[in-house]
Amino acid sequence: MLEQGWPLSEKAQAEIDEKRRKPSREIRVEAMREAVDFSQLTSTRGGYKLVLIYPAERMNHVTANTLLKTLEEPPGAVRFILATEAVHQLLPTLRSRCQAHGMAWPTAQELQQWLSGDGRDVGPKWLKASGDRPMSAVRMAASQGDSKVWANLPQAMRGGDASLITAWHPRQTLDALQKLCYDLMALHWGGEPRFFDMQDLPTPVPGMRALSDWFQALTKAVSTVEHPYQAGLMNEWLSAQAAQALKSIP
């Protein structure tokens, strides 16, 4: 809700302001229970009520199962909209109870035109870095600044140089390293890089065994990234891990 600029409840806002809780990366079961309770109240105007769940893939299993019970026996005058860019991450039991509607993805020209409007300074490199997700590109440009940082990242990681990512949250570092590993895997199998420009990637491409082991290590690190680690030390450790993988002999 904070990312979208949506207002929080007074209690939640007060707890965040007083640093008694952190913004959650998931849709918590308490929020879903409130939404379900709202859906079961009779509308004062006798019309339909809409409940938007976005991004729906951030529901954990407990939250999703709480919604599932309502979808199985929905109140009459209510509609739930589950909006997501990763429908495959939703529980199959949820998907089977919903009507699917796919949205057309904008063309590269439309994306770049939108990004260059309203004074936004977001170049094509950040759009590529985001996987053609314009809002992610805007956030990356705002938090990471000059796109040269992204271009220089692969070679810096090959040398174990963490200076480019000193101020990054480990979550940003892991996201970038997973994208780098993905692109190198694609190159290994004769594909095209998705997130980095070809000329920015290190050569030679490491062997598949090293890349596979590295990707598994990154995935494991993602599961604990919200733990209270010292960010600088974690970024240095991730850089050293990257250097080991990128210097491996094919």
C-alpha atoms as a PDB file:
ATOM      1  CA  MET A   1       0.000   0.000   0.000  1.00  0.00           C
ATOM      2  CA  LEU A   2       2.915   2.330   0.716  1.00  0.00           C
ATOM      3  CA  GLU A   3       4.384   1.599  -2.723  1.00  0.00           C
ATOM      4  CA  GLN A   4       1.072   2.593  -4.348  1.00  0.00           C
ATOM      5  CA  GLY A   5       0.539   5.642  -2.149  1.00  0.00           C
ATOM      6  CA  TRP A   6      -2.651   4.179  -0.689  1.00  0.00           C
ATOM      7  CA  PRO A   7      -3.712   5.366   2.801  1.00  0.00           C
ATOM      8  CA  LEU A   8      -3.130   3.024   5.716  1.00  0.00           C
ATOM      9  CA  SER A   9      -5.365   2.552   8.725  1.00  0.00           C
ATOM     10  CA  GLU A  10      -4.585   4.883  11.621  1.00  0.00           C
ATOM     11  CA  LYS A  11      -3.283   1.973  13.706  1.00  0.00           C
ATOM     12  CA  ALA A  12      -0.946   0.657  11.002  1.00  0.00           C
ATOM     13  CA  GLN A  13       0.364   4.137  10.171  1.00  0.00           C
ATOM     14  CA  ALA A  14       1.013   4.890  13.847  1.00  0.00           C
ATOM     15  CA  GLU A  15       2.895   1.601  14.338  1.00  0.00           C
ATOM     16  CA  ILE A  16       5.106   2.316  11.318  1.00  0.00           C
ATOM     17  CA  ASP A  17       5.715   5.939  12.364  1.00  0.00           C
ATOM     18  CA  GLU A  18       6.717   4.780  15.848  1.00  0.00           C
ATOM     19  CA  LYS A  19       8.924   2.037  14.326  1.00  0.00           C
ATOM     20  CA  ARG A  20       6.974  -0.678  16.123  1.00  0.00           C
ATOM     21  CA  ARG A  21       6.529  -2.595  12.855  1.00  0.00           C
ATOM     22  CA  LYS A  22       7.974  -2.734   9.373  1.00  0.00           C
ATOM     23  CA  PRO A  23       5.958  -2.618   6.167  1.00  0.00           C
ATOM     24  CA  SER A  24       5.174  -6.195   5.220  1.00  0.00           C
ATOM     25  CA  ARG A  25       6.417  -7.717   1.969  1.00  0.00           C
ATOM     26  CA  GLU A  26       3.354  -9.970   1.959  1.00  0.00           C
ATOM     27  CA  ILE A  27      -0.407  -9.523   2.146  1.00  0.00           C
ATOM     28  CA  ARG A  28      -1.057 -10.631   5.694  1.00  0.00           C
ATOM     29  CA  VAL A  29      -3.936 -12.760   6.847  1.00  0.00           C
ATOM     30  CA  GLU A  30      -5.266  -9.942   9.080  1.00  0.00           C
ATOM     31  CA  ALA A  31      -5.774  -7.715   6.022  1.00  0.00           C
ATOM     32  CA  MET A  32      -7.569 -10.506   4.179  1.00  0.00           C
ATOM     33  CA  ARG A  33      -9.866 -11.160   7.120  1.00  0.00           C
ATOM     34  CA  GLU A  34     -10.809  -7.467   7.123  1.00  0.00           C
ATOM     35  CA  ALA A  35     -11.556  -7.651   3.386  1.00  0.00           C
ATOM     36  CA  VAL A  36     -13.665 -10.780   3.830  1.00  0.00           C
ATOM     37  CA  ASP A  37     -15.607  -9.166   6.683  1.00  0.00           C
ATOM     38  CA  PHE A  38     -16.224  -6.129   4.465  1.00  0.00           C
ATOM     39  CA  SER A  39     -17.493  -8.345   1.641  1.00  0.00           C
ATOM     40  CA  GLN A  40     -20.091  -9.943   3.902  1.00  0.00           C
ATOM     41  CA  LEU A  41     -21.672  -6.650   4.971  1.00  0.00           C
ATOM     42  CA  THR A  42     -24.786  -5.526   3.128  1.00  0.00           C
ATOM     43  CA  SER A  43     -24.238  -2.542   0.862  1.00  0.00           C
ATOM     44  CA  THR A  44     -26.152   0.533   2.040  1.00  0.00           C
ATOM     45  CA  ARG A  45     -26.896   1.494  -1.578  1.00  0.00           C
ATOM     46  CA  GLY A  46     -27.874  -1.968  -2.674  1.00  0.00           C
ATOM     47  CA  GLY A  47     -25.134  -2.183  -5.330  1.00  0.00           C
ATOM     48  CA  TYR A  48     -22.085  -4.343  -5.858  1.00  0.00           C
ATOM     49  CA  LYS A  49     -18.925  -4.106  -3.777  1.00  0.00           C
ATOM     50  CA  LEU A  50     -15.475  -4.644  -5.256  1.00  0.00           C
ATOM     51  CA  VAL A  51     -12.415  -5.947  -3.401  1.00  0.00           C
ATOM     52  CA  LEU A  52      -9.078  -5.428  -5.190  1.00  0.00           C
ATOM     53  CA  ILE A  53      -6.202  -7.708  -4.171  1.00  0.00           C
ATOM     54  CA  TYR A  54      -2.939  -6.420  -5.610  1.00  0.00           C
ATOM     55  CA  PRO A  55      -0.348  -7.720  -6.136  1.00  0.00           C
ATOM     56  CA  ALA A  56      -2.166 -11.007  -5.595  1.00  0.00           C
ATOM     57  CA  GLU A  57       1.003 -13.120  -5.759  1.00  0.00           C
ATOM     58  CA  ARG A  58       2.101 -11.590  -2.445  1.00  0.00           C
ATOM     59  CA  MET A  59      -0.545 -13.525  -0.540  1.00  0.00           C
ATOM     60  CA  ASN A  60       1.096 -16.171   1.613  1.00  0.00           C
ATOM     61  CA  HIS A  61      -0.537 -19.594   1.900  1.00  0.00           C
ATOM     62  CA  VAL A  62      -2.494 -18.726   5.054  1.00  0.00           C
ATOM     63  CA  THR A  63      -3.850 -15.541   3.449  1.00  0.00           C
ATOM     64  CA  ALA A  64      -4.720 -17.325   0.194  1.00  0.00           C
ATOM     65  CA  ASN A  65      -6.558 -20.088   2.031  1.00  0.00           C
ATOM     66  CA  THR A  66      -8.536 -17.481   3.984  1.00  0.00           C
ATOM     67  CA  LEU A  67      -9.699 -15.981   0.682  1.00  0.00           C
ATOM     68  CA  LEU A  68     -10.372 -19.431  -0.791  1.00  0.00           C
ATOM     69  CA  LYS A  69     -13.152 -20.138   1.687  1.00  0.00           C
ATOM     70  CA  THR A  70     -14.972 -16.988   0.574  1.00  0.00           C
ATOM     71  CA  LEU A  71     -14.449 -17.719  -3.125  1.00  0.00           C
ATOM     72  CA  GLU A  72     -15.990 -21.159  -2.628  1.00  0.00           C
ATOM     73  CA  GLU A  73     -19.147 -19.625  -1.133  1.00  0.00           C
ATOM     74  CA  PRO A  74     -19.095 -15.958  -2.233  1.00  0.00           C
ATOM     75  CA  PRO A  75     -21.564 -13.398  -0.909  1.00  0.00           C
ATOM     76  CA  GLY A  76     -24.057 -12.368  -3.562  1.00  0.00           C
ATOM     77  CA  ALA A  77     -23.273  -8.732  -4.303  1.00  0.00           C
ATOM     78  CA  VAL A  78     -19.474  -8.689  -4.198  1.00  0.00           C
ATOM     79  CA  ARG A  79     -16.715  -9.176  -6.747  1.00  0.00           C
ATOM     80  CA  PHE A  80     -13.067  -9.958  -5.974  1.00  0.00           C
ATOM     81  CA  ILE A  81     -10.423  -8.771  -8.436  1.00  0.00           C
ATOM     82  CA  LEU A  82      -7.069 -10.533  -8.132  1.00  0.00           C
ATOM     83  CA  ALA A  83      -4.525  -8.488 -10.095  1.00  0.00           C
ATOM     84  CA  THR A  84      -1.087  -9.988 -10.681  1.00  0.00           C
ATOM     85  CA  GLU A  85       1.859 -10.089 -13.066  1.00  0.00           C
ATOM     86  CA  ALA A  86       2.690 -13.631 -11.915  1.00  0.00           C
ATOM     87  CA  VAL A  87      -0.498 -15.666 -12.137  1.00  0.00           C
ATOM     88  CA  HIS A  88       1.529 -18.904 -11.978  1.00  0.00           C
ATOM     89  CA  GLN A  89       2.416 -18.050  -8.366  1.00  0.00           C
ATOM     90  CA  LEU A  90      -1.220 -18.151  -7.253  1.00  0.00           C
ATOM     91  CA  LEU A  91      -2.563 -21.334  -5.724  1.00  0.00           C
ATOM     92  CA  PRO A  92      -4.199 -23.597  -8.347  1.00  0.00           C
ATOM     93  CA  THR A  93      -7.286 -23.748  -6.132  1.00  0.00           C
ATOM     94  CA  LEU A  94      -7.598 -19.941  -6.375  1.00  0.00           C
ATOM     95  CA  ARG A  95      -7.075 -19.856 -10.132  1.00  0.00           C
ATOM     96  CA  SER A  96      -9.708 -22.536 -10.672  1.00  0.00           C
ATOM     97  CA  ARG A  97     -12.338 -20.363  -8.981  1.00  0.00           C
ATOM     98  CA  CYS A  98     -11.608 -17.195 -10.967  1.00  0.00           C
ATOM     99  CA  GLN A  99     -12.345 -15.954 -14.459  1.00  0.00           C
ATOM    100  CA  ALA A 100      -9.053 -15.055 -16.154  1.00  0.00           C
ATOM    101  CA  HIS A 101      -8.597 -11.880 -18.169  1.00  0.00           C
ATOM    102  CA  GLY A 102      -5.176 -11.216 -19.702  1.00  0.00           C
ATOM    103  CA  MET A 103      -4.048  -7.635 -20.264  1.00  0.00           C
ATOM    104  CA  ALA A 104      -2.064  -6.760 -23.396  1.00  0.00           C
ATOM    105  CA  TRP A 105       1.536  -5.747 -22.613  1.00  0.00           C
ATOM    106  CA  PRO A 106       2.556  -2.330 -24.035  1.00  0.00           C
ATOM    107  CA  THR A 107       5.000  -2.242 -26.930  1.00  0.00           C
ATOM    108  CA  ALA A 108       8.604  -1.126 -26.338  1.00  0.00           C
ATOM    109  CA  GLN A 109       7.827   2.186 -28.065  1.00  0.00           C
ATOM    110  CA  GLU A 110       4.789   2.803 -25.843  1.00  0.00           C
ATOM    111  CA  LEU A 111       6.777   1.959 -22.720  1.00  0.00           C
ATOM    112  CA  GLN A 112       9.623   4.303 -23.603  1.00  0.00           C
ATOM    113  CA  GLN A 113       7.191   7.076 -24.554  1.00  0.00           C
ATOM    114  CA  TRP A 114       5.489   6.793 -21.162  1.00  0.00           C
ATOM    115  CA  LEU A 115       8.826   6.734 -19.346  1.00  0.00           C
ATOM    116  CA  SER A 116      10.012   9.904 -21.086  1.00  0.00           C
ATOM    117  CA  GLY A 117       6.858  11.843 -20.136  1.00  0.00           C
ATOM    118  CA  ASP A 118       6.063  14.045 -17.139  1.00  0.00           C
ATOM    119  CA  GLY A 119       9.713  14.856 -16.510  1.00  0.00           C
ATOM    120  CA  ARG A 120      10.730  11.263 -15.758  1.00  0.00           C
ATOM    121  CA  ASP A 121      14.383  10.656 -16.591  1.00  0.00           C
ATOM    122  CA  VAL A 122      14.347   6.913 -17.218  1.00  0.00           C
ATOM    123  CA  GLY A 123      16.425   5.656 -20.120  1.00  0.00           C
ATOM    124  CA  PRO A 124      16.196   2.388 -22.060  1.00  0.00           C
ATOM    125  CA  LYS A 125      18.884   0.739 -19.921  1.00  0.00           C
ATOM    126  CA  TRP A 126      16.707   0.923 -16.789  1.00  0.00           C
ATOM    127  CA  LEU A 127      13.717  -0.383 -18.751  1.00  0.00           C
ATOM    128  CA  LYS A 128      15.795  -3.380 -19.846  1.00  0.00           C
ATOM    129  CA  ALA A 129      17.106  -3.815 -16.303  1.00  0.00           C
ATOM    130  CA  SER A 130      13.541  -3.998 -15.007  1.00  0.00           C
ATOM    131  CA  GLY A 131      12.498  -6.666 -17.506  1.00  0.00           C
ATOM    132  CA  ASP A 132      10.311  -4.140 -19.392  1.00  0.00           C
ATOM    133  CA  ARG A 133       8.317  -3.254 -16.259  1.00  0.00           C
ATOM    134  CA  PRO A 134       7.971   0.543 -16.381  1.00  0.00           C
ATOM    135  CA  MET A 135       7.101   1.175 -12.725  1.00  0.00           C
ATOM    136  CA  SER A 136      10.030  -1.002 -11.646  1.00  0.00           C
ATOM    137  CA  ALA A 137      12.246   0.967 -14.042  1.00  0.00           C
ATOM    138  CA  VAL A 138      11.126   4.227 -12.399  1.00  0.00           C
ATOM    139  CA  ARG A 139      11.902   2.860  -8.919  1.00  0.00           C
ATOM    140  CA  MET A 140      15.295   1.514 -10.005  1.00  0.00           C
ATOM    141  CA  ALA A 141      16.268   4.821 -11.591  1.00  0.00           C
ATOM    142  CA  ALA A 142      15.196   6.719  -8.459  1.00  0.00           C
ATOM    143  CA  SER A 143      17.022   4.451  -6.006  1.00  0.00           C
ATOM    144  CA  GLN A 144      20.124   3.545  -8.031  1.00  0.00           C
ATOM    145  CA  GLY A 145      20.690   6.745 -10.016  1.00  0.00           C
ATOM    146  CA  ASP A 146      23.007   6.741 -13.030  1.00  0.00           C
ATOM    147  CA  SER A 147      22.397   3.835 -15.396  1.00  0.00           C
ATOM    148  CA  LYS A 148      26.186   3.482 -15.716  1.00  0.00           C
ATOM    149  CA  VAL A 149      26.047   1.761 -12.332  1.00  0.00           C
ATOM    150  CA  TRP A 150      23.936  -0.999 -13.863  1.00  0.00           C
ATOM    151  CA  ALA A 151      26.211  -1.216 -16.922  1.00  0.00           C
ATOM    152  CA  ASN A 152      29.350  -1.508 -14.759  1.00  0.00           C
ATOM    153  CA  LEU A 153      27.858  -3.958 -12.253  1.00  0.00           C
ATOM    154  CA  PRO A 154      28.767  -7.258 -14.022  1.00  0.00           C
ATOM    155  CA  GLN A 155      32.464  -6.400 -14.318  1.00  0.00           C
ATOM    156  CA  ALA A 156      32.529  -5.068 -10.751  1.00  0.00           C
ATOM    157  CA  MET A 157      31.042  -8.314  -9.472  1.00  0.00           C
ATOM    158  CA  ARG A 158      33.565 -10.332 -11.460  1.00  0.00           C
ATOM    159  CA  GLY A 159      36.287  -8.485  -9.576  1.00  0.00           C
ATOM    160  CA  GLY A 160      34.528  -8.812  -6.218  1.00  0.00           C
ATOM    161  CA  ASP A 161      34.184  -5.016  -5.998  1.00  0.00           C
ATOM    162  CA  ALA A 162      31.262  -4.073  -3.754  1.00  0.00           C
ATOM    163  CA  SER A 163      31.780  -0.311  -4.007  1.00  0.00           C
ATOM    164  CA  LEU A 164      28.944   0.140  -6.523  1.00  0.00           C
ATOM    165  CA  ILE A 165      26.396  -1.463  -4.222  1.00  0.00           C
ATOM    166  CA  THR A 166      27.519  -0.064  -0.863  1.00  0.00           C
ATOM    167  CA  ALA A 167      24.290   1.887  -0.348  1.00  0.00           C
ATOM    168  CA  TRP A 168      21.981  -0.802  -1.730  1.00  0.00           C
ATOM    169  CA  HIS A 169      19.634  -2.838   0.381  1.00  0.00           C
ATOM    170  CA  PRO A 170      20.619  -6.522   0.085  1.00  0.00           C
ATOM    171  CA  ARG A 171      17.226  -7.107  -1.547  1.00  0.00           C
ATOM    172  CA  GLN A 172      18.302  -4.851  -4.440  1.00  0.00           C
ATOM    173  CA  THR A 173      21.655  -6.620  -4.653  1.00  0.00           C
ATOM    174  CA  LEU A 174      20.062 -10.051  -4.794  1.00  0.00           C
ATOM    175  CA  ASP A 175      17.610  -8.924  -7.461  1.00  0.00           C
ATOM    176  CA  ALA A 176      20.477  -7.613  -9.613  1.00  0.00           C
ATOM    177  CA  LEU A 177      22.616 -10.722  -9.119  1.00  0.00           C
ATOM    178  CA  GLN A 178      19.763 -13.076  -9.971  1.00  0.00           C
ATOM    179  CA  LYS A 179      19.226 -11.123 -13.198  1.00  0.00           C
ATOM    180  CA  LEU A 180      22.935 -11.279 -13.988  1.00  0.00           C
ATOM    181  CA  CYS A 181      23.008 -15.021 -13.370  1.00  0.00           C
ATOM    182  CA  TYR A 182      19.894 -15.482 -15.532  1.00  0.00           C
ATOM    183  CA  ASP A 183      21.459 -13.592 -18.447  1.00  0.00           C
ATOM    184  CA  LEU A 184      24.670 -15.631 -18.247  1.00  0.00           C
ATOM    185  CA  MET A 185      22.654 -18.853 -18.222  1.00  0.00           C
ATOM    186  CA  ALA A 186      20.801 -17.635 -21.324  1.00  0.00           C
ATOM    187  CA  LEU A 187      24.113 -16.892 -23.062  1.00  0.00           C
ATOM    188  CA  HIS A 188      25.451 -20.308 -22.095  1.00  0.00           C
ATOM    189  CA  TRP A 189      22.581 -21.941 -23.981  1.00  0.00           C
ATOM    190  CA  GLY A 190      22.836 -19.623 -26.982  1.00  0.00           C
ATOM    191  CA  GLY A 191      20.094 -17.192 -25.984  1.00  0.00           C
ATOM    192  CA  GLU A 192      19.986 -13.400 -25.632  1.00  0.00           C
ATOM    193  CA  PRO A 193      20.412 -11.480 -22.348  1.00  0.00           C
ATOM    194  CA  ARG A 194      17.218 -10.015 -20.979  1.00  0.00           C
ATOM    195  CA  PHE A 195      18.359  -7.567 -18.286  1.00  0.00           C
ATOM    196  CA  PHE A 196      21.876  -6.463 -19.270  1.00  0.00           C
ATOM    197  CA  ASP A 197      23.332  -5.309 -22.586  1.00  0.00           C
ATOM    198  CA  MET A 198      25.549  -7.878 -24.245  1.00  0.00           C
ATOM    199  CA  GLN A 199      28.651  -5.671 -24.130  1.00  0.00           C
ATOM    200  CA  ASP A 200      28.312  -5.221 -20.363  1.00  0.00           C
ATOM    201  CA  LEU A 201      28.443  -8.922 -19.515  1.00  0.00           C
ATOM    202  CA  PRO A 202      31.723 -10.575 -18.455  1.00  0.00           C
ATOM    203  CA  THR A 203      33.508 -13.024 -20.730  1.00  0.00           C
ATOM    204  CA  PRO A 204      34.100 -15.877 -20.905  1.00  0.00           C
ATOM    205  CA  VAL A 205      30.738 -17.102 -19.662  1.00  0.00           C
ATOM    206  CA  PRO A 206      31.171 -19.355 -16.588  1.00  0.00           C
ATOM    207  CA  GLY A 207      30.269 -23.024 -16.805  1.00  0.00           C
ATOM    208  CA  MET A 208      26.693 -24.125 -16.215  1.00  0.00           C
ATOM    209  CA  ARG A 209      27.582 -25.989 -13.007  1.00  0.00           C
ATOM    210  CA  ALA A 210      28.999 -22.835 -11.446  1.00  0.00           C
ATOM    211  CA  LEU A 211      26.026 -20.745 -12.579  1.00  0.00           C
ATOM    212  CA  SER A 212      23.527 -23.313 -11.297  1.00  0.00           C
ATOM    213  CA  ASP A 213      25.235 -23.492  -7.888  1.00  0.00           C
ATOM    214  CA  TRP A 214      25.351 -19.696  -7.733  1.00  0.00           C
ATOM    215  CA  PHE A 215      21.663 -19.323  -8.600  1.00  0.00           C
ATOM    216  CA  GLN A 216      20.707 -21.830  -5.886  1.00  0.00           C
ATOM    217  CA  ALA A 217      22.787 -19.894  -3.357  1.00  0.00           C
ATOM    218  CA  LEU A 218      21.093 -16.629  -4.392  1.00  0.00           C
ATOM    219  CA  THR A 219      17.647 -18.207  -4.091  1.00  0.00           C
ATOM    220  CA  LYS A 220      18.488 -19.404  -0.584  1.00  0.00           C
ATOM    221  CA  ALA A 221      19.710 -15.922   0.374  1.00  0.00           C
ATOM    222  CA  VAL A 222      16.462 -14.339  -0.881  1.00  0.00           C
ATOM    223  CA  SER A 223      14.454 -16.382   1.641  1.00  0.00           C
ATOM    224  CA  THR A 224      16.264 -14.664   4.538  1.00  0.00           C
ATOM    225  CA  VAL A 225      16.969 -11.226   3.051  1.00  0.00           C
ATOM    226  CA  GLU A 226      14.546  -9.474   5.431  1.00  0.00           C
ATOM    227  CA  HIS A 227      16.488 -10.664   8.472  1.00  0.00           C
ATOM    228  CA  PRO A 228      18.313  -7.849  10.325  1.00  0.00           C
ATOM    229  CA  TYR A 229      21.688  -8.361   8.665  1.00  0.00           C
ATOM    230  CA  GLN A 230      24.310  -5.620   8.477  1.00  0.00           C
ATOM    231  CA  ALA A 231      23.670  -4.469   4.899  1.00  0.00           C
ATOM    232  CA  GLY A 232      27.274  -3.550   4.068  1.00  0.00           C
ATOM    233  CA  LEU A 233      28.676  -6.867   5.223  1.00  0.00           C
ATOM    234  CA  MET A 234      25.999  -8.834   3.388  1.00  0.00           C
ATOM    235  CA  ASN A 235      26.678  -6.945   0.165  1.00  0.00           C
ATOM    236  CA  GLU A 236      30.402  -7.691   0.505  1.00  0.00           C
ATOM    237  CA  TRP A 237      29.637 -11.380   1.046  1.00  0.00           C
ATOM    238  CA  LEU A 238      27.334 -11.449  -1.997  1.00  0.00           C
ATOM    239  CA  SER A 239      30.039  -9.731  -4.077  1.00  0.00           C
ATOM    240  CA  ALA A 240      32.646 -12.296  -3.024  1.00  0.00           C
ATOM    241  CA  GLN A 241      30.217 -15.097  -3.853  1.00  0.00           C
ATOM    242  CA  ALA A 242      29.569 -13.538  -7.279  1.00  0.00           C
ATOM    243  CA  ALA A 243      33.288 -13.195  -7.998  1.00  0.00           C
ATOM    244  CA  GLN A 244      33.857 -16.857  -7.221  1.00  0.00           C
ATOM    245  CA  ALA A 245      31.118 -17.907  -9.649  1.00  0.00           C
ATOM    246  CA  LEU A 246      32.070 -15.473 -12.424  1.00  0.00           C
ATOM    247  CA  LYS A 247      35.765 -16.426 -12.366  1.00  0.00           C
ATOM    248  CA  SER A 248      35.072 -20.130 -12.668  1.00  0.00           C
ATOM    249  CA  ILE A 249      36.518 -21.860 -15.729  1.00  0.00           C
ATOM    250  CA  PRO A 250      33.842 -23.076 -18.216  1.00  0.00           C
END
